C-alpha atoms as a PDB file:
ATOM      1  CA  MET A   1       0.000   0.000   0.000  1.00  0.00           C
ATOM      2  CA  ASN A   2       1.179   3.525  -0.789  1.00  0.00           C
ATOM      3  CA  TYR A   3       0.428   6.478   1.477  1.00  0.00           C
ATOM      4  CA  HIS A   4       1.397  10.135   1.284  1.00  0.00           C
ATOM      5  CA  SER A   5       1.457  13.065   3.669  1.00  0.00           C
ATOM      6  CA  ASN A   6      -1.174  15.746   3.141  1.00  0.00           C
ATOM      7  CA  VAL A   7      -0.232  19.199   1.885  1.00  0.00           C
ATOM      8  CA  LEU A   8      -0.757  20.792   5.312  1.00  0.00           C
ATOM      9  CA  GLU A   9       1.938  18.712   7.025  1.00  0.00           C
ATOM     10  CA  THR A  10       5.260  20.477   7.611  1.00  0.00           C
ATOM     11  CA  THR A  11       7.207  17.341   6.674  1.00  0.00           C
ATOM     12  CA  GLN A  12       6.310  15.672   3.392  1.00  0.00           C
ATOM     13  CA  TRP A  13       6.675  11.919   3.099  1.00  0.00           C
ATOM     14  CA  SER A  14       5.660   8.889   1.045  1.00  0.00           C
ATOM     15  CA  LEU A  15       5.120   5.489   2.617  1.00  0.00           C
ATOM     16  CA  LYS A  16       5.209   1.991   1.129  1.00  0.00           C
ATOM     17  CA  ILE A  17       3.970  -0.710   3.481  1.00  0.00           C
ATOM     18  CA  ASP A  18       2.072  -3.997   3.080  1.00  0.00           C
ATOM     19  CA  LEU A  19       2.483  -6.046   6.237  1.00  0.00           C
ATOM     20  CA  LYS A  20      -0.054  -8.706   5.292  1.00  0.00           C
ATOM     21  CA  LYS A  21       1.871  -9.379   2.090  1.00  0.00           C
ATOM     22  CA  ASP A  22       5.100  -9.582   4.113  1.00  0.00           C
ATOM     23  CA  LEU A  23       3.622 -12.146   6.492  1.00  0.00           C
ATOM     24  CA  GLU A  24       2.062 -14.201   3.699  1.00  0.00           C
ATOM     25  CA  SER A  25       5.386 -14.264   1.844  1.00  0.00           C
ATOM     26  CA  PHE A  26       7.067 -15.656   4.966  1.00  0.00           C
ATOM     27  CA  MET A  27       4.270 -18.197   5.460  1.00  0.00           C
ATOM     28  CA  GLU A  28       4.490 -19.397   1.861  1.00  0.00           C
ATOM     29  CA  LYS A  29       8.235 -19.982   2.208  1.00  0.00           C
ATOM     30  CA  GLN A  30       7.678 -21.966   5.399  1.00  0.00           C
ATOM     31  CA  MET A  31       4.990 -24.096   3.763  1.00  0.00           C
ATOM     32  CA  ARG A  32       7.208 -24.847   0.784  1.00  0.00           C
ATOM     33  CA  LYS A  33      10.012 -25.904   3.145  1.00  0.00           C
ATOM     34  CA  MET A  34       7.537 -28.423   4.571  1.00  0.00           C
ATOM     35  CA  ASN A  35       6.721 -29.593   1.030  1.00  0.00           C
ATOM     36  CA  ILE A  36       3.135 -28.411   1.522  1.00  0.00           C
ATOM     37  CA  PRO A  37       2.823 -25.495  -0.931  1.00  0.00           C
ATOM     38  CA  PRO A  38      -0.267 -23.259  -0.897  1.00  0.00           C
ATOM     39  CA  SER A  39      -3.114 -24.669  -2.974  1.00  0.00           C
ATOM     40  CA  GLY A  40      -4.228 -21.340  -4.423  1.00  0.00           C
ATOM     41  CA  THR A  41      -7.833 -22.086  -3.449  1.00  0.00           C
ATOM     42  CA  ARG A  42      -7.727 -20.370  -0.045  1.00  0.00           C
ATOM     43  CA  SER A  43      -5.760 -17.496   1.442  1.00  0.00           C
ATOM     44  CA  ILE A  44      -2.145 -18.313   2.259  1.00  0.00           C
ATOM     45  CA  MET A  45      -2.695 -17.169   5.825  1.00  0.00           C
ATOM     46  CA  TYR A  46      -5.606 -19.573   6.381  1.00  0.00           C
ATOM     47  CA  GLU A  47      -3.754 -22.500   4.818  1.00  0.00           C
ATOM     48  CA  TYR A  48      -0.655 -21.779   6.904  1.00  0.00           C
ATOM     49  CA  PHE A  49      -2.599 -21.808  10.173  1.00  0.00           C
ATOM     50  CA  ASN A  50      -4.613 -24.845   9.047  1.00  0.00           C
ATOM     51  CA  THR A  51      -1.364 -26.662   8.257  1.00  0.00           C
ATOM     52  CA  GLN A  52       0.093 -25.670  11.623  1.00  0.00           C
ATOM     53  CA  LYS A  53      -2.905 -27.230  13.325  1.00  0.00           C
ATOM     54  CA  ARG A  54      -2.867 -30.466  11.334  1.00  0.00           C
ATOM     55  CA  VAL A  55       0.852 -31.211  10.954  1.00  0.00           C
ATOM     56  CA  ILE A  56       2.639 -32.897  13.855  1.00  0.00           C
ATOM     57  CA  PHE A  57       6.051 -31.287  14.137  1.00  0.00           C
ATOM     58  CA  GLU A  58       9.039 -33.541  14.664  1.00  0.00           C
ATOM     59  CA  THR A  59      10.241 -33.494  18.262  1.00  0.00           C
ATOM     60  CA  PRO A  60      10.763 -36.224  20.880  1.00  0.00           C
ATOM     61  CA  ARG A  61       7.592 -36.880  22.873  1.00  0.00           C
ATOM     62  CA  LYS A  62       6.608 -38.976  25.841  1.00  0.00           C
ATOM     63  CA  VAL A  63       4.074 -41.693  25.085  1.00  0.00           C
ATOM     64  CA  VAL A  64       1.452 -42.507  27.714  1.00  0.00           C
ATOM     65  CA  TYR A  65      -1.412 -44.992  27.503  1.00  0.00           C
ATOM     66  CA  SER A  66      -4.931 -44.911  28.887  1.00  0.00           C
ATOM     67  CA  ARG A  67      -6.011 -47.668  31.252  1.00  0.00           C
ATOM     68  CA  GLU A  68      -8.509 -48.790  28.614  1.00  0.00           C
ATOM     69  CA  PHE A  69      -5.941 -49.057  25.801  1.00  0.00           C
ATOM     70  CA  GLN A  70      -5.868 -52.425  24.035  1.00  0.00           C
ATOM     71  CA  CYS A  71      -3.876 -53.538  21.019  1.00  0.00           C
ATOM     72  CA  PRO A  72      -4.448 -56.767  19.048  1.00  0.00           C
ATOM     73  CA  GLU A  73      -1.563 -59.171  19.564  1.00  0.00           C
ATOM     74  CA  GLU A  74      -0.709 -59.281  15.864  1.00  0.00           C
ATOM     75  CA  TYR A  75      -0.273 -55.475  15.813  1.00  0.00           C
ATOM     76  CA  GLN A  76       2.017 -55.182  18.843  1.00  0.00           C
ATOM     77  CA  GLU A  77       5.115 -54.857  16.682  1.00  0.00           C
ATOM     78  CA  ALA A  78       3.534 -52.088  14.603  1.00  0.00           C
ATOM     79  CA  LEU A  79       2.505 -50.293  17.796  1.00  0.00           C
ATOM     80  CA  SER A  80       6.043 -50.573  19.183  1.00  0.00           C
ATOM     81  CA  GLN A  81       7.423 -49.115  15.958  1.00  0.00           C
ATOM     82  CA  PHE A  82       5.004 -46.181  16.175  1.00  0.00           C
ATOM     83  CA  GLU A  83       5.883 -45.566  19.824  1.00  0.00           C
ATOM     84  CA  GLN A  84       9.619 -45.562  19.116  1.00  0.00           C
ATOM     85  CA  SER A  85       9.123 -43.105  16.272  1.00  0.00           C
ATOM     86  CA  ALA A  86       7.233 -40.810  18.638  1.00  0.00           C
ATOM     87  CA  ARG A  87       9.824 -41.065  21.410  1.00  0.00           C
ATOM     88  CA  LYS A  88      12.691 -40.373  18.993  1.00  0.00           C
ATOM     89  CA  GLY A  89      10.961 -37.389  17.392  1.00  0.00           C
ATOM     90  CA  LYS A  90      10.568 -38.949  13.962  1.00  0.00           C
ATOM     91  CA  ASN A  91       7.968 -37.939  11.394  1.00  0.00           C
ATOM     92  CA  LEU A  92       4.541 -39.177  12.525  1.00  0.00           C
ATOM     93  CA  ASN A  93       2.655 -37.494   9.699  1.00  0.00           C
ATOM     94  CA  THR A  94       3.355 -40.515   7.504  1.00  0.00           C
ATOM     95  CA  TYR A  95       0.888 -42.441   9.704  1.00  0.00           C
ATOM     96  CA  LEU A  96      -1.854 -39.916   8.911  1.00  0.00           C
ATOM     97  CA  SER A  97      -3.961 -39.611   5.779  1.00  0.00           C
ATOM     98  CA  ASP A  98      -2.026 -38.301   2.775  1.00  0.00           C
ATOM     99  CA  GLN A  99      -4.572 -35.458   2.759  1.00  0.00           C
ATOM    100  CA  ILE A 100      -2.134 -33.797   5.171  1.00  0.00           C
ATOM    101  CA  ARG A 101      -0.271 -32.626   2.049  1.00  0.00           C
ATOM    102  CA  LYS A 102      -3.270 -30.527   1.001  1.00  0.00           C
ATOM    103  CA  PRO A 103      -3.332 -27.349   3.130  1.00  0.00           C
ATOM    104  CA  GLU A 104      -6.891 -26.472   2.146  1.00  0.00           C
ATOM    105  CA  LYS A 105      -8.299 -29.756   3.506  1.00  0.00           C
ATOM    106  CA  SER A 106      -9.724 -30.186   6.992  1.00  0.00           C
ATOM    107  CA  ASP A 107      -9.748 -32.981   9.561  1.00  0.00           C
ATOM    108  CA  ASP A 108     -13.216 -32.950  11.127  1.00  0.00           C
ATOM    109  CA  LEU A 109     -12.280 -35.147  14.098  1.00  0.00           C
ATOM    110  CA  LEU A 110      -9.294 -32.938  14.890  1.00  0.00           C
ATOM    111  CA  ASN A 111     -11.301 -29.732  14.503  1.00  0.00           C
ATOM    112  CA  ASP A 112     -14.148 -31.055  16.640  1.00  0.00           C
ATOM    113  CA  TRP A 113     -12.446 -33.050  19.418  1.00  0.00           C
ATOM    114  CA  ASN A 114      -8.700 -32.394  18.908  1.00  0.00           C
ATOM    115  CA  ILE A 115      -8.038 -36.096  18.354  1.00  0.00           C
ATOM    116  CA  TYR A 116      -5.669 -37.518  15.715  1.00  0.00           C
ATOM    117  CA  HIS A 117      -6.153 -40.899  14.093  1.00  0.00           C
ATOM    118  CA  PHE A 118      -3.133 -42.852  12.847  1.00  0.00           C
ATOM    119  CA  HIS A 119      -2.896 -45.945  10.671  1.00  0.00           C
ATOM    120  CA  LEU A 120      -1.533 -48.815  12.760  1.00  0.00           C
ATOM    121  CA  THR A 121       0.771 -50.591  10.330  1.00  0.00           C
ATOM    122  CA  LYS A 122       4.343 -51.442   9.393  1.00  0.00           C
ATOM    123  CA  ARG A 123       3.593 -51.204   5.679  1.00  0.00           C
ATOM    124  CA  PHE A 124       4.297 -47.950   3.844  1.00  0.00           C
ATOM    125  CA  ARG A 125       3.796 -46.774   0.274  1.00  0.00           C
ATOM    126  CA  GLU A 126       6.597 -45.599  -2.001  1.00  0.00           C
ATOM    127  CA  ASP A 127       5.745 -41.971  -1.171  1.00  0.00           C
ATOM    128  CA  GLY A 128       6.366 -42.699   2.514  1.00  0.00           C
ATOM    129  CA  PHE A 129       2.754 -42.701   3.717  1.00  0.00           C
ATOM    130  CA  ALA A 130       1.271 -45.629   5.607  1.00  0.00           C
ATOM    131  CA  LYS A 131      -0.852 -48.075   3.701  1.00  0.00           C
ATOM    132  CA  ARG A 132      -4.469 -48.328   4.778  1.00  0.00           C
ATOM    133  CA  SER A 133      -4.680 -50.595   7.824  1.00  0.00           C
ATOM    134  CA  ASP A 134      -7.363 -52.629   9.569  1.00  0.00           C
ATOM    135  CA  TYR A 135      -6.841 -50.725  12.827  1.00  0.00           C
ATOM    136  CA  GLN A 136      -6.331 -47.100  13.797  1.00  0.00           C
ATOM    137  CA  ILE A 137      -4.716 -45.439  16.803  1.00  0.00           C
ATOM    138  CA  PHE A 138      -6.635 -42.542  18.334  1.00  0.00           C
ATOM    139  CA  ALA A 139      -4.477 -40.085  20.268  1.00  0.00           C
ATOM    140  CA  TRP A 140      -4.275 -36.568  21.692  1.00  0.00           C
ATOM    141  CA  VAL A 141      -0.987 -34.898  20.719  1.00  0.00           C
ATOM    142  CA  THR A 142       0.758 -32.024  22.504  1.00  0.00           C
ATOM    143  CA  ALA A 143       4.183 -30.454  22.034  1.00  0.00           C
ATOM    144  CA  ASP A 144       5.826 -32.950  24.381  1.00  0.00           C
ATOM    145  CA  CYS A 145       3.488 -35.920  24.782  1.00  0.00           C
ATOM    146  CA  ILE A 146       1.225 -38.321  22.913  1.00  0.00           C
ATOM    147  CA  TYR A 147      -1.750 -39.533  24.915  1.00  0.00           C
ATOM    148  CA  MET A 148      -2.733 -42.911  23.458  1.00  0.00           C
ATOM    149  CA  ILE A 149      -6.493 -43.173  23.885  1.00  0.00           C
ATOM    150  CA  GLN A 150      -7.521 -46.401  22.156  1.00  0.00           C
ATOM    151  CA  ILE A 151      -7.214 -48.595  19.072  1.00  0.00           C
ATOM    152  CA  TYR A 152     -10.324 -49.433  17.035  1.00  0.00           C
ATOM    153  CA  PRO A 153     -10.941 -51.539  13.926  1.00  0.00           C
ATOM    154  CA  HIS A 154     -11.349 -49.506  10.778  1.00  0.00           C
ATOM    155  CA  LYS A 155     -14.763 -51.159  10.305  1.00  0.00           C
ATOM    156  CA  GLU A 156     -16.034 -49.970  13.714  1.00  0.00           C
ATOM    157  CA  ALA A 157     -19.424 -48.250  13.517  1.00  0.00           C
ATOM    158  CA  HIS A 158     -19.298 -44.453  13.898  1.00  0.00           C
ATOM    159  CA  LEU A 159     -15.535 -44.717  14.212  1.00  0.00           C
ATOM    160  CA  TYR A 160     -14.793 -40.993  14.305  1.00  0.00           C
ATOM    161  CA  THR A 161     -17.701 -39.889  16.484  1.00  0.00           C
ATOM    162  CA  LYS A 162     -17.361 -42.332  19.371  1.00  0.00           C
ATOM    163  CA  LYS A 163     -18.041 -40.351  22.539  1.00  0.00           C
ATOM    164  CA  GLU A 164     -16.107 -43.080  24.326  1.00  0.00           C
ATOM    165  CA  LEU A 165     -12.913 -41.377  23.079  1.00  0.00           C
ATOM    166  CA  LEU A 166     -13.652 -38.296  25.165  1.00  0.00           C
ATOM    167  CA  LYS A 167     -14.800 -40.380  28.132  1.00  0.00           C
ATOM    168  CA  ILE A 168     -11.433 -42.146  28.152  1.00  0.00           C
ATOM    169  CA  ILE A 169      -9.603 -38.809  28.046  1.00  0.00           C
ATOM    170  CA  GLU A 170     -11.759 -37.468  30.884  1.00  0.00           C
ATOM    171  CA  GLU A 171     -11.127 -40.563  33.002  1.00  0.00           C
ATOM    172  CA  ASN A 172      -7.368 -40.649  32.431  1.00  0.00           C
ATOM    173  CA  TRP A 173      -6.248 -37.077  31.756  1.00  0.00           C
ATOM    174  CA  PRO A 174      -8.996 -34.651  32.829  1.00  0.00           C
ATOM    175  CA  GLU A 175      -6.539 -31.750  32.624  1.00  0.00           C
ATOM    176  CA  LEU A 176      -6.622 -32.009  28.817  1.00  0.00           C
ATOM    177  CA  LEU A 177     -10.342 -31.223  28.711  1.00  0.00           C
ATOM    178  CA  LYS A 178     -10.401 -28.670  31.542  1.00  0.00           C
ATOM    179  CA  PRO A 179      -9.763 -25.616  29.280  1.00  0.00           C
ATOM    180  CA  HIS A 180     -12.826 -26.606  27.231  1.00  0.00           C
ATOM    181  CA  HIS A 181     -15.212 -27.077  30.154  1.00  0.00           C
ATOM    182  CA  ILE A 182     -18.425 -25.040  29.821  1.00  0.00           C
ATOM    183  CA  LYS A 183     -18.854 -23.379  33.198  1.00  0.00           C
ATOM    184  CA  GLY A 184     -22.399 -23.315  34.526  1.00  0.00           C
ATOM    185  CA  ALA A 185     -23.612 -26.033  32.152  1.00  0.00           C
ATOM    186  CA  VAL A 186     -24.964 -28.939  34.206  1.00  0.00           C
ATOM    187  CA  ARG A 187     -26.630 -31.073  31.554  1.00  0.00           C
ATOM    188  CA  LEU A 188     -27.442 -30.912  27.856  1.00  0.00           C
ATOM    189  CA  SER A 189     -31.153 -30.744  27.128  1.00  0.00           C
ATOM    190  CA  VAL A 190     -30.739 -33.374  24.401  1.00  0.00           C
ATOM    191  CA  GLN A 191     -28.514 -36.428  24.799  1.00  0.00           C
ATOM    192  CA  LEU A 192     -26.775 -37.453  21.568  1.00  0.00           C
ATOM    193  CA  ASP A 193     -25.414 -40.856  20.657  1.00  0.00           C
ATOM    194  CA  ASP A 194     -22.454 -41.583  18.377  1.00  0.00           C
ATOM    195  CA  GLU A 195     -24.618 -41.754  15.268  1.00  0.00           C
ATOM    196  CA  GLN A 196     -26.227 -38.383  15.975  1.00  0.00           C
ATOM    197  CA  TYR A 197     -22.837 -36.780  16.553  1.00  0.00           C
ATOM    198  CA  GLY A 198     -21.873 -38.139  13.150  1.00  0.00           C
ATOM    199  CA  VAL A 199     -24.864 -36.433  11.528  1.00  0.00           C
ATOM    200  CA  LEU A 200     -23.974 -33.119  13.165  1.00  0.00           C
ATOM    201  CA  ARG A 201     -20.332 -33.411  12.166  1.00  0.00           C
ATOM    202  CA  ASP A 202     -21.198 -34.187   8.561  1.00  0.00           C
ATOM    203  CA  ALA A 203     -23.217 -30.958   8.565  1.00  0.00           C
ATOM    204  CA  HIS A 204     -20.359 -29.118  10.327  1.00  0.00           C
ATOM    205  CA  ALA A 205     -22.733 -28.084  13.083  1.00  0.00           C
ATOM    206  CA  THR A 206     -20.907 -27.208  16.289  1.00  0.00           C
ATOM    207  CA  SER A 207     -22.063 -29.266  19.265  1.00  0.00           C
ATOM    208  CA  PHE A 208     -21.250 -29.685  22.947  1.00  0.00           C
ATOM    209  CA  VAL A 209     -20.484 -33.015  24.608  1.00  0.00           C
ATOM    210  CA  GLU A 210     -21.757 -34.135  28.012  1.00  0.00           C
ATOM    211  CA  LEU A 211     -19.642 -36.673  29.886  1.00  0.00           C
ATOM    212  CA  GLY A 212     -21.550 -36.516  33.166  1.00  0.00           C
ATOM    213  CA  GLU A 213     -23.158 -34.034  35.525  1.00  0.00           C
ATOM    214  CA  ASN A 214     -21.355 -30.673  35.358  1.00  0.00           C
ATOM    215  CA  LYS A 215     -19.109 -32.167  32.685  1.00  0.00           C
ATOM    216  CA  VAL A 216     -20.122 -30.375  29.505  1.00  0.00           C
ATOM    217  CA  TYR A 217     -17.395 -29.501  27.002  1.00  0.00           C
ATOM    218  CA  GLY A 218     -17.270 -27.526  23.772  1.00  0.00           C
ATOM    219  CA  LEU A 219     -14.921 -26.363  20.995  1.00  0.00           C
ATOM    220  CA  ILE A 220     -12.416 -28.971  22.148  1.00  0.00           C
ATOM    221  CA  GLY A 221     -10.591 -28.879  18.814  1.00  0.00           C
ATOM    222  CA  GLY A 222     -11.324 -25.240  18.058  1.00  0.00           C
ATOM    223  CA  GLY A 223     -14.493 -26.013  16.117  1.00  0.00           C
ATOM    224  CA  TYR A 224     -15.268 -25.716  12.427  1.00  0.00           C
ATOM    225  CA  MET A 225     -17.134 -23.345  10.159  1.00  0.00           C
ATOM    226  CA  SER A 226     -20.233 -24.300   8.165  1.00  0.00           C
ATOM    227  CA  ASP A 227     -18.053 -25.116   5.136  1.00  0.00           C
ATOM    228  CA  GLY A 228     -15.815 -27.386   7.222  1.00  0.00           C
ATOM    229  CA  SER A 229     -12.946 -24.916   7.587  1.00  0.00           C
ATOM    230  CA  SER A 230     -10.989 -24.996  10.822  1.00  0.00           C
ATOM    231  CA  GLY A 231     -12.536 -22.464  13.180  1.00  0.00           C
ATOM    232  CA  GLU A 232      -9.186 -22.045  14.918  1.00  0.00           C
ATOM    233  CA  ALA A 233      -7.378 -21.275  11.647  1.00  0.00           C
ATOM    234  CA  VAL A 234     -10.088 -18.808  10.596  1.00  0.00           C
ATOM    235  CA  ARG A 235      -9.883 -16.956  13.917  1.00  0.00           C
ATOM    236  CA  ARG A 236      -6.083 -16.750  13.740  1.00  0.00           C
ATOM    237  CA  GLU A 237      -6.271 -15.456  10.175  1.00  0.00           C
ATOM    238  CA  GLN A 238      -8.755 -12.764  11.200  1.00  0.00           C
ATOM    239  CA  PHE A 239      -6.629 -11.812  14.216  1.00  0.00           C
ATOM    240  CA  TRP A 240      -3.509 -11.223  12.141  1.00  0.00           C
ATOM    241  CA  HIS A 241      -5.376  -9.479   9.340  1.00  0.00           C
ATOM    242  CA  ASN A 242      -6.746  -6.977  11.854  1.00  0.00           C
ATOM    243  CA  ARG A 243      -3.517  -6.624  13.844  1.00  0.00           C
ATOM    244  CA  LEU A 244      -1.372  -5.927  10.790  1.00  0.00           C
ATOM    245  CA  LYS A 245      -3.889  -3.488   9.326  1.00  0.00           C
ATOM    246  CA  LEU A 246      -3.928  -1.611  12.643  1.00  0.00           C
ATOM    247  CA  PHE A 247      -0.116  -1.538  12.703  1.00  0.00           C
ATOM    248  CA  GLU A 248      -0.114   0.068   9.246  1.00  0.00           C
ATOM    249  CA  MET A 249      -2.532   2.711  10.526  1.00  0.00           C
ATOM    250  CA  VAL A 250      -0.278   3.347  13.543  1.00  0.00           C
ATOM    251  CA  ILE A 251       2.766   3.827  11.289  1.00  0.00           C
ATOM    252  CA  ARG A 252       0.847   6.093   8.947  1.00  0.00           C
ATOM    253  CA  GLY A 253      -0.490   8.186  11.845  1.00  0.00           C
ATOM    254  CA  ASN A 254       2.978   8.555  13.388  1.00  0.00           C
ATOM    255  CA  MET A 255       4.960   9.331  10.235  1.00  0.00           C
ATOM    256  CA  PRO A 256       5.718  12.964  11.245  1.00  0.00           C
ATOM    257  CA  PHE A 257       7.303  11.678  14.459  1.00  0.00           C
ATOM    258  CA  ILE A 258       9.082   8.752  12.765  1.00  0.00           C
ATOM    259  CA  SER A 259      10.508  10.989  10.037  1.00  0.00           C
ATOM    260  CA  SER A 260      11.760  13.471  12.653  1.00  0.00           C
ATOM    261  CA  VAL A 261      13.627  10.688  14.482  1.00  0.00           C
ATOM    262  CA  VAL A 262      15.143   9.442  11.208  1.00  0.00           C
ATOM    263  CA  ARG A 263      16.266  12.976  10.398  1.00  0.00           C
ATOM    264  CA  ARG A 264      17.808  13.417  13.847  1.00  0.00           C
ATOM    265  CA  GLN A 265      19.468   9.970  13.999  1.00  0.00           C
ATOM    266  CA  ARG A 266      20.583   9.625  10.393  1.00  0.00           C
ATOM    267  CA  GLY A 267      20.533  13.135   8.963  1.00  0.00           C
ATOM    268  CA  LEU A 268      18.288  11.752   6.224  1.00  0.00           C
ATOM    269  CA  GLU A 269      14.994  12.749   4.688  1.00  0.00           C
ATOM    270  CA  PRO A 270      14.094   9.782   2.454  1.00  0.00           C
ATOM    271  CA  SER A 271      11.728  10.592  -0.379  1.00  0.00           C
ATOM    272  CA  VAL A 272      10.044   7.241   0.271  1.00  0.00           C
ATOM    273  CA  TYR A 273       9.865   5.259   3.516  1.00  0.00           C
ATOM    274  CA  ARG A 274       9.751   1.533   2.747  1.00  0.00           C
ATOM    275  CA  PHE A 275       8.753  -0.594   5.728  1.00  0.00           C
ATOM    276  CA  GLN A 276       8.847  -4.384   5.947  1.00  0.00           C
ATOM    277  CA  LEU A 277       7.832  -6.805   8.698  1.00  0.00           C
ATOM    278  CA  LEU A 278      10.942  -7.999  10.540  1.00  0.00           C
ATOM    279  CA  TRP A 279       9.964  -9.833  13.737  1.00  0.00           C
ATOM    280  CA  ILE A 280       6.887 -10.972  15.685  1.00  0.00           C
ATOM    281  CA  SER A 281       7.001 -12.011  19.337  1.00  0.00           C
ATOM    282  CA  ASN A 282       5.609 -15.434  20.224  1.00  0.00           C
ATOM    283  CA  SER A 283       2.862 -13.803  22.278  1.00  0.00           C
ATOM    284  CA  ALA A 284       1.981 -11.346  19.470  1.00  0.00           C
ATOM    285  CA  ASP A 285       2.355  -8.418  21.879  1.00  0.00           C
ATOM    286  CA  SER A 286       5.337  -6.957  20.030  1.00  0.00           C
ATOM    287  CA  LEU A 287       6.040  -6.487  16.310  1.00  0.00           C
ATOM    288  CA  ARG A 288       9.072  -4.940  14.608  1.00  0.00           C
ATOM    289  CA  LEU A 289       9.572  -3.368  11.198  1.00  0.00           C
ATOM    290  CA  ILE A 290      12.658  -2.321   9.285  1.00  0.00           C
ATOM    291  CA  GLU A 291      12.733   0.819   7.142  1.00  0.00           C
ATOM    292  CA  TRP A 292      15.106   0.000   4.312  1.00  0.00           C
ATOM    293  CA  ASN A 293      16.156   3.469   3.152  1.00  0.00           C
ATOM    294  CA  SER A 294      17.318   4.596   6.591  1.00  0.00           C
ATOM    295  CA  HIS A 295      17.986   1.200   8.211  1.00  0.00           C
ATOM    296  CA  MET A 296      15.916   2.284  11.181  1.00  0.00           C
ATOM    297  CA  GLY A 297      13.506  -0.004  12.991  1.00  0.00           C
ATOM    298  CA  VAL A 298      10.119   0.496  14.610  1.00  0.00           C
ATOM    299  CA  GLU A 299       8.694  -1.731  17.331  1.00  0.00           C
ATOM    300  CA  TRP A 300       5.008  -1.601  18.250  1.00  0.00           C
ATOM    301  CA  PHE A 301       3.526  -2.760  21.539  1.00  0.00           C
ATOM    302  CA  PRO A 302      -0.232  -2.952  20.775  1.00  0.00           C
ATOM    303  CA  GLU A 303      -1.402  -3.691  24.323  1.00  0.00           C
ATOM    304  CA  LYS A 304       0.636  -0.799  25.729  1.00  0.00           C
ATOM    305  CA  GLY A 305      -0.063   1.534  22.815  1.00  0.00           C
ATOM    306  CA  LYS A 306       3.623   2.402  22.485  1.00  0.00           C
ATOM    307  CA  LEU A 307       6.217   2.691  19.703  1.00  0.00           C
ATOM    308  CA  ARG A 308       9.977   2.239  19.951  1.00  0.00           C
ATOM    309  CA  ILE A 309      12.226   3.597  17.199  1.00  0.00           C
ATOM    310  CA  PHE A 310      15.779   2.298  16.977  1.00  0.00           C
ATOM    311  CA  THR A 311      18.773   1.956  14.669  1.00  0.00           C
ATOM    312  CA  MET A 312      19.370  -1.505  13.277  1.00  0.00           C
ATOM    313  CA  GLU A 313      22.978  -1.382  14.514  1.00  0.00           C
ATOM    314  CA  GLU A 314      21.767  -0.999  18.087  1.00  0.00           C
ATOM    315  CA  GLU A 315      19.349  -3.884  17.691  1.00  0.00           C
ATOM    316  CA  LEU A 316      21.901  -6.249  16.184  1.00  0.00           C
ATOM    317  CA  ASP A 317      24.495  -5.351  18.832  1.00  0.00           C
ATOM    318  CA  PHE A 318      22.043  -6.305  21.567  1.00  0.00           C
ATOM    319  CA  GLY A 319      22.415  -9.979  22.450  1.00  0.00           C
ATOM    320  CA  GLY A 320      19.217 -11.996  22.108  1.00  0.00           C
ATOM    321  CA  ALA A 321      17.429  -9.230  20.225  1.00  0.00           C
ATOM    322  CA  PHE A 322      15.438 -11.729  18.174  1.00  0.00           C
ATOM    323  CA  GLU A 323      14.758 -14.335  20.839  1.00  0.00           C
ATOM    324  CA  GLY A 324      11.231 -15.073  21.986  1.00  0.00           C
ATOM    325  CA  GLY A 325       9.705 -14.690  18.572  1.00  0.00           C
ATOM    326  CA  VAL A 326       9.867 -15.320  14.833  1.00  0.00           C
ATOM    327  CA  ARG A 327      12.290 -13.424  12.600  1.00  0.00           C
ATOM    328  CA  LEU A 328      10.895 -12.986   9.108  1.00  0.00           C
ATOM    329  CA  LEU A 329      13.970 -11.525   7.382  1.00  0.00           C
END
């Protein structure tokens, strides 16, 4: 986007800034590194966040089993192989559906209940993905642990809408469901069985789950939109669209001040100020830009409503300047 000072301002300036484009360019590069390029059918930002939700990143994890967990004897070796891969931080995405390579696709079970389903097998295709198996592992995955819920036959009725999955989680690891507890909800007015949950999920209708008195849960996996899109990915896309647009407005509204600092620090009066997104803190409460013609930086603290203007030399000389966040350049 191009902006210009008005004729009444004492300092004249031109501004080139497109922070959404900067972020999407970074996201596209990251997706291509993962060999999951944007499909072109959805926004890059949505597909990036959808991919982040679906892909299991490679890192060593603990593996814990529910008390109810049972594995057929003839699949014990395949289960052991899966567990070792998880503990060693190997790629577990090869046990998922190959739809993981399509960033526009959604996983309804994951979006609804935050549960992954893996093929339980030792047989893999030439492209590295697991061959379809007779049994599937159902698990809850965090950054450091895989909670093994249960194994079911692929032919099991209502396989992906079995409320038993959530009951097992609640019985073994109630802390996983606690953030999704609906306070004040004692009972649901209508009790749904597995088949009815399947009908609702096929229609992408958001529903709550009751696991007992005062045990009503909702949006466990972030939910989905009416078209099946990940509700979590949509909300994150909207958040960053709004935050970056507001940052552009802040820069535009503070250009007289920014240009005065550049003039004082550098002795420059650039005809055009060209800003680019440089760094985002992990908590999204701090964002930094670089202005290429003056090599000055601007940091915005949205919650505090403050700006910090600095020289890039000062920033680079400061140890750990880019820790605690993502550097885009």
